[in-house]
Structures are given as structure tokens and as C-alpha cells.
Amino acid sequence: MERSAKFYIYVDVDDTFVRSAGTKRIPMTAVIQHIRELKDQGALLYCWSSGGADYARQSAEEFEIADCFIDFLPKPNLMLDDQSLGEWRDLKCVHPTESGQTLEDCKRK
């Protein structure tokens, strides 16, 4: 299958699918549901966090969505690429408040 036929999504943890208020962690239920729907629609999802891969995995497990992700990664400290992020072909950034779009909506965005 050609890369363009696959749709890769990297999902952040903090303030994306979980909010923190002191020591309390509050699930962002609409985003969690959206993650499940995107997986069901065929998206290939990775969970990443500046807190590291273990933190990303533990957070996904805590909110019972670990099975939605192919793998868990730390966010990079440096990207070595001939293009800036703004120049990446087909790269889209969606804010968590825009959750609910179908995979096809995301592809068109």
C-alpha cells in the first residue's frame, strides 16, 4: 500500500486527551472518543508526549485507549529534515477542540 493511502496521526497527551488540575487528571472524553473513531476508520495512530514514551503509554492505559495506538514515543528535541514543518506535504494540525471530524474530514482539511 502506498504511503498516501495510509493516514498517520500523532496524538499528544497533556491538554489533548487529558487535562490536569493539581493532582487530578481529567479525561477529555470527546477527544478520547474521537481517537477511538479515527482508529476504527483506519487511521494509524501514535501517542507521544514531551513527558516521554512511558508517560504516553501509561496515560493511554489510564484512559483505556492504549489499544488505539501502534506505539508510544517521546516528542523529539530536534528534527533533522530538509523542510520546516510548515513545508511538509499533507501535514495538518488539529486542535483537540476540533475533535469529532471523520478520518475523511481530516484528510481533506
N, C-alpha and C. Protein backbone atom coordinates (compact mmCIF):
# COMPACT_ATOMS: atom_id res chain seq x y z
N MET A 1 0.83 -1.18 0.00
CA MET A 1 0.00 0.00 0.00
C MET A 1 0.88 1.25 0.00
N GLU A 2 0.54 2.20 -0.78
CA GLU A 2 1.26 3.44 -0.92
C GLU A 2 1.10 4.30 0.34
N ARG A 3 2.12 5.08 0.69
CA ARG A 3 2.04 5.93 1.88
C ARG A 3 0.83 6.84 1.84
N SER A 4 0.50 7.41 0.68
CA SER A 4 -0.62 8.34 0.60
C SER A 4 -1.95 7.67 0.94
N ALA A 5 -2.02 6.35 0.81
CA ALA A 5 -3.27 5.64 1.14
C ALA A 5 -3.41 5.47 2.65
N LYS A 6 -2.31 5.55 3.38
CA LYS A 6 -2.35 5.43 4.83
C LYS A 6 -2.41 6.84 5.43
N PHE A 7 -2.96 6.94 6.62
CA PHE A 7 -3.06 8.24 7.26
C PHE A 7 -2.52 8.11 8.68
N TYR A 8 -1.39 8.75 8.93
CA TYR A 8 -0.69 8.66 10.20
C TYR A 8 -1.06 9.85 11.07
N ILE A 9 -1.40 9.58 12.32
CA ILE A 9 -1.76 10.64 13.25
C ILE A 9 -0.94 10.47 14.53
N TYR A 10 -0.30 11.56 14.96
CA TYR A 10 0.44 11.58 16.22
C TYR A 10 -0.41 12.36 17.21
N VAL A 11 -0.72 11.75 18.33
CA VAL A 11 -1.61 12.32 19.33
C VAL A 11 -0.81 12.65 20.59
N ASP A 12 -0.88 13.88 21.01
CA ASP A 12 -0.25 14.33 22.24
C ASP A 12 -1.10 13.88 23.44
N VAL A 13 -0.54 13.96 24.63
CA VAL A 13 -1.24 13.54 25.85
C VAL A 13 -1.84 14.75 26.58
N ASP A 14 -0.98 15.55 27.21
CA ASP A 14 -1.43 16.62 28.09
C ASP A 14 -2.14 17.74 27.33
N ASP A 15 -3.31 18.06 27.82
CA ASP A 15 -4.19 19.08 27.24
C ASP A 15 -4.65 18.70 25.84
N THR A 16 -4.52 17.41 25.52
CA THR A 16 -5.07 16.89 24.27
C THR A 16 -6.14 15.86 24.60
N PHE A 17 -5.77 14.78 25.32
CA PHE A 17 -6.82 13.86 25.76
C PHE A 17 -6.94 13.77 27.28
N VAL A 18 -6.10 14.51 28.01
CA VAL A 18 -6.22 14.59 29.46
C VAL A 18 -5.80 15.99 29.93
N ARG A 19 -6.58 16.51 30.86
CA ARG A 19 -6.24 17.78 31.49
C ARG A 19 -5.89 17.50 32.94
N SER A 20 -5.05 18.32 33.50
CA SER A 20 -4.67 18.17 34.90
C SER A 20 -5.11 19.39 35.69
N ALA A 21 -5.64 19.13 36.87
CA ALA A 21 -5.99 20.18 37.82
C ALA A 21 -5.37 19.76 39.14
N GLY A 22 -4.22 20.30 39.42
CA GLY A 22 -3.47 19.85 40.59
C GLY A 22 -3.01 18.42 40.33
N THR A 23 -3.39 17.51 41.22
CA THR A 23 -3.01 16.11 41.04
C THR A 23 -4.10 15.31 40.33
N LYS A 24 -5.24 15.93 40.08
CA LYS A 24 -6.35 15.24 39.43
C LYS A 24 -6.18 15.27 37.92
N ARG A 25 -6.38 14.12 37.28
CA ARG A 25 -6.29 14.01 35.81
C ARG A 25 -7.71 13.82 35.28
N ILE A 26 -8.09 14.71 34.38
CA ILE A 26 -9.46 14.74 33.89
C ILE A 26 -9.47 14.34 32.42
N PRO A 27 -10.17 13.26 32.08
CA PRO A 27 -10.20 12.84 30.67
C PRO A 27 -10.98 13.83 29.82
N MET A 28 -10.52 14.06 28.63
CA MET A 28 -11.24 14.87 27.65
C MET A 28 -12.03 13.88 26.80
N THR A 29 -13.22 13.58 27.25
CA THR A 29 -13.99 12.46 26.71
C THR A 29 -14.29 12.59 25.22
N ALA A 30 -14.54 13.79 24.73
CA ALA A 30 -14.82 13.96 23.30
C ALA A 30 -13.58 13.59 22.47
N VAL A 31 -12.41 13.97 22.96
CA VAL A 31 -11.17 13.66 22.24
C VAL A 31 -10.89 12.16 22.31
N ILE A 32 -11.09 11.56 23.46
CA ILE A 32 -10.88 10.11 23.61
C ILE A 32 -11.80 9.34 22.67
N GLN A 33 -13.05 9.76 22.58
CA GLN A 33 -13.98 9.12 21.65
C GLN A 33 -13.52 9.33 20.21
N HIS A 34 -13.02 10.52 19.90
CA HIS A 34 -12.54 10.82 18.56
C HIS A 34 -11.35 9.92 18.20
N ILE A 35 -10.44 9.71 19.14
CA ILE A 35 -9.30 8.83 18.92
C ILE A 35 -9.79 7.43 18.56
N ARG A 36 -10.76 6.93 19.32
CA ARG A 36 -11.32 5.60 19.03
C ARG A 36 -11.95 5.55 17.63
N GLU A 37 -12.69 6.59 17.28
CA GLU A 37 -13.35 6.63 15.98
C GLU A 37 -12.33 6.68 14.84
N LEU A 38 -11.27 7.49 15.00
CA LEU A 38 -10.24 7.57 13.97
C LEU A 38 -9.57 6.22 13.76
N LYS A 39 -9.28 5.51 14.86
CA LYS A 39 -8.70 4.18 14.74
C LYS A 39 -9.65 3.25 14.00
N ASP A 40 -10.92 3.26 14.38
CA ASP A 40 -11.92 2.41 13.73
C ASP A 40 -12.06 2.72 12.24
N GLN A 41 -11.77 3.96 11.86
CA GLN A 41 -11.88 4.37 10.47
C GLN A 41 -10.60 4.09 9.67
N GLY A 42 -9.58 3.53 10.35
CA GLY A 42 -8.38 3.11 9.65
C GLY A 42 -7.15 3.98 9.82
N ALA A 43 -7.22 5.00 10.66
CA ALA A 43 -6.04 5.83 10.91
C ALA A 43 -4.99 5.03 11.67
N LEU A 44 -3.74 5.34 11.43
CA LEU A 44 -2.61 4.72 12.14
C LEU A 44 -2.13 5.73 13.16
N LEU A 45 -2.40 5.46 14.42
CA LEU A 45 -2.16 6.44 15.48
C LEU A 45 -0.95 6.09 16.33
N TYR A 46 -0.19 7.13 16.66
CA TYR A 46 0.93 7.05 17.58
C TYR A 46 0.64 8.04 18.70
N CYS A 47 0.98 7.69 19.91
CA CYS A 47 0.82 8.57 21.05
C CYS A 47 2.19 9.06 21.47
N TRP A 48 2.32 10.37 21.61
CA TRP A 48 3.62 10.90 22.02
C TRP A 48 3.45 12.00 23.03
N SER A 49 4.53 12.25 23.77
CA SER A 49 4.48 13.27 24.81
C SER A 49 5.88 13.78 25.10
N SER A 50 5.96 15.04 25.47
CA SER A 50 7.25 15.57 25.92
C SER A 50 7.63 14.93 27.25
N GLY A 51 6.67 14.27 27.92
CA GLY A 51 6.95 13.53 29.14
C GLY A 51 7.60 12.18 28.89
N GLY A 52 7.72 11.79 27.62
CA GLY A 52 8.38 10.54 27.27
C GLY A 52 7.42 9.44 26.85
N ALA A 53 7.98 8.40 26.29
CA ALA A 53 7.20 7.27 25.77
C ALA A 53 6.47 6.53 26.88
N ASP A 54 7.13 6.30 28.01
CA ASP A 54 6.48 5.59 29.11
C ASP A 54 5.29 6.37 29.64
N TYR A 55 5.45 7.68 29.76
CA TYR A 55 4.35 8.53 30.22
C TYR A 55 3.19 8.48 29.23
N ALA A 56 3.49 8.52 27.95
CA ALA A 56 2.44 8.44 26.92
C ALA A 56 1.69 7.12 27.03
N ARG A 57 2.41 6.02 27.17
CA ARG A 57 1.79 4.70 27.29
C ARG A 57 0.93 4.61 28.56
N GLN A 58 1.48 5.05 29.69
CA GLN A 58 0.75 4.98 30.96
C GLN A 58 -0.53 5.82 30.89
N SER A 59 -0.46 6.97 30.24
CA SER A 59 -1.64 7.83 30.12
C SER A 59 -2.70 7.17 29.25
N ALA A 60 -2.28 6.59 28.15
CA ALA A 60 -3.23 5.91 27.27
C ALA A 60 -3.85 4.71 27.98
N GLU A 61 -3.05 4.00 28.76
CA GLU A 61 -3.58 2.87 29.53
C GLU A 61 -4.57 3.36 30.60
N GLU A 62 -4.23 4.45 31.25
CA GLU A 62 -5.09 5.00 32.30
C GLU A 62 -6.49 5.32 31.76
N PHE A 63 -6.55 5.81 30.53
CA PHE A 63 -7.84 6.19 29.95
C PHE A 63 -8.36 5.16 28.94
N GLU A 64 -7.78 3.96 29.01
CA GLU A 64 -8.23 2.78 28.26
C GLU A 64 -8.29 2.99 26.75
N ILE A 65 -7.26 3.65 26.23
CA ILE A 65 -7.16 3.81 24.77
C ILE A 65 -5.82 3.34 24.23
N ALA A 66 -5.05 2.63 25.04
CA ALA A 66 -3.73 2.16 24.60
C ALA A 66 -3.83 1.29 23.35
N ASP A 67 -4.92 0.54 23.23
CA ASP A 67 -5.09 -0.34 22.07
C ASP A 67 -5.32 0.43 20.77
N CYS A 68 -5.56 1.72 20.87
CA CYS A 68 -5.76 2.55 19.66
C CYS A 68 -4.44 2.90 18.99
N PHE A 69 -3.34 2.76 19.71
CA PHE A 69 -2.05 3.25 19.23
C PHE A 69 -1.12 2.12 18.78
N ILE A 70 -0.38 2.40 17.73
CA ILE A 70 0.62 1.47 17.23
C ILE A 70 1.82 1.44 18.16
N ASP A 71 2.19 2.63 18.66
CA ASP A 71 3.36 2.73 19.53
C ASP A 71 3.29 4.03 20.31
N PHE A 72 4.22 4.17 21.24
CA PHE A 72 4.29 5.32 22.13
C PHE A 72 5.69 5.91 22.02
N LEU A 73 5.77 7.23 21.90
CA LEU A 73 7.03 7.89 21.61
C LEU A 73 7.21 9.15 22.45
N PRO A 74 8.47 9.51 22.70
CA PRO A 74 8.70 10.85 23.26
C PRO A 74 8.61 11.86 22.11
N LYS A 75 8.23 13.09 22.42
CA LYS A 75 8.32 14.13 21.40
C LYS A 75 9.80 14.40 21.15
N PRO A 76 10.15 14.69 19.93
CA PRO A 76 11.57 14.93 19.64
C PRO A 76 12.06 16.26 20.21
N ASN A 77 13.36 16.33 20.44
CA ASN A 77 14.00 17.57 20.85
C ASN A 77 14.56 18.31 19.64
N LEU A 78 14.77 17.57 18.58
CA LEU A 78 15.32 18.15 17.36
C LEU A 78 14.78 17.36 16.18
N MET A 79 14.42 18.05 15.14
CA MET A 79 14.01 17.39 13.91
C MET A 79 15.04 17.76 12.84
N LEU A 80 15.65 16.76 12.28
CA LEU A 80 16.64 16.96 11.23
C LEU A 80 15.95 16.64 9.92
N ASP A 81 15.62 17.66 9.17
CA ASP A 81 14.83 17.50 7.95
C ASP A 81 15.18 18.64 7.01
N ASP A 82 15.07 18.38 5.72
CA ASP A 82 15.37 19.44 4.75
C ASP A 82 14.22 20.43 4.63
N GLN A 83 13.07 20.14 5.25
CA GLN A 83 11.92 21.02 5.19
C GLN A 83 11.49 21.41 6.60
N SER A 84 10.98 22.63 6.74
CA SER A 84 10.38 23.03 8.01
C SER A 84 9.00 22.39 8.08
N LEU A 85 8.44 22.33 9.28
CA LEU A 85 7.13 21.70 9.44
C LEU A 85 6.07 22.32 8.53
N GLY A 86 6.13 23.62 8.35
CA GLY A 86 5.17 24.31 7.51
C GLY A 86 5.26 23.90 6.04
N GLU A 87 6.37 23.31 5.65
CA GLU A 87 6.56 22.89 4.26
C GLU A 87 6.22 21.42 4.03
N TRP A 88 5.93 20.68 5.10
CA TRP A 88 5.65 19.26 4.93
C TRP A 88 4.39 19.06 4.10
N ARG A 89 4.49 18.23 3.11
CA ARG A 89 3.35 17.91 2.26
C ARG A 89 2.32 17.15 3.09
N ASP A 90 1.10 17.59 3.05
CA ASP A 90 -0.02 16.92 3.70
C ASP A 90 -0.01 16.94 5.23
N LEU A 91 0.85 17.77 5.86
CA LEU A 91 0.83 17.84 7.32
C LEU A 91 -0.27 18.78 7.77
N LYS A 92 -1.10 18.30 8.68
CA LYS A 92 -2.19 19.09 9.22
C LYS A 92 -2.08 19.06 10.74
N CYS A 93 -2.47 20.15 11.37
CA CYS A 93 -2.50 20.21 12.82
C CYS A 93 -3.93 20.53 13.24
N VAL A 94 -4.51 19.68 14.09
CA VAL A 94 -5.88 19.85 14.53
C VAL A 94 -5.87 20.04 16.04
N HIS A 95 -6.52 21.07 16.51
CA HIS A 95 -6.63 21.35 17.94
C HIS A 95 -7.64 20.36 18.55
N PRO A 96 -7.43 19.95 19.80
CA PRO A 96 -8.36 19.00 20.43
C PRO A 96 -9.82 19.46 20.41
N THR A 97 -10.05 20.75 20.40
CA THR A 97 -11.44 21.23 20.38
C THR A 97 -12.11 20.98 19.03
N GLU A 98 -11.33 20.57 18.04
CA GLU A 98 -11.88 20.25 16.73
C GLU A 98 -12.17 18.76 16.59
N SER A 99 -12.17 18.03 17.70
CA SER A 99 -12.41 16.60 17.63
C SER A 99 -13.81 16.32 17.13
N GLY A 100 -13.99 15.15 16.57
CA GLY A 100 -15.28 14.76 16.03
C GLY A 100 -15.28 14.65 14.53
N GLN A 101 -14.22 15.14 13.90
CA GLN A 101 -14.12 15.01 12.45
C GLN A 101 -13.84 13.58 12.07
N THR A 102 -14.39 13.14 10.95
CA THR A 102 -14.09 11.80 10.46
C THR A 102 -12.68 11.79 9.88
N LEU A 103 -12.18 10.61 9.64
CA LEU A 103 -10.87 10.48 9.00
C LEU A 103 -10.89 11.16 7.64
N GLU A 104 -11.96 11.01 6.90
CA GLU A 104 -12.07 11.67 5.59
C GLU A 104 -12.06 13.19 5.73
N ASP A 105 -12.70 13.73 6.77
CA ASP A 105 -12.66 15.17 7.02
C ASP A 105 -11.23 15.61 7.27
N CYS A 106 -10.51 14.83 8.07
CA CYS A 106 -9.10 15.17 8.38
C CYS A 106 -8.25 15.14 7.13
N LYS A 107 -8.47 14.19 6.26
CA LYS A 107 -7.70 14.10 5.02
C LYS A 107 -7.92 15.31 4.13
N ARG A 108 -9.15 15.83 4.12
CA ARG A 108 -9.49 16.98 3.27
C ARG A 108 -9.03 18.30 3.85
N LYS A 109 -8.85 18.36 5.14
CA LYS A 109 -8.53 19.63 5.82
C LYS A 109 -7.30 20.28 5.26
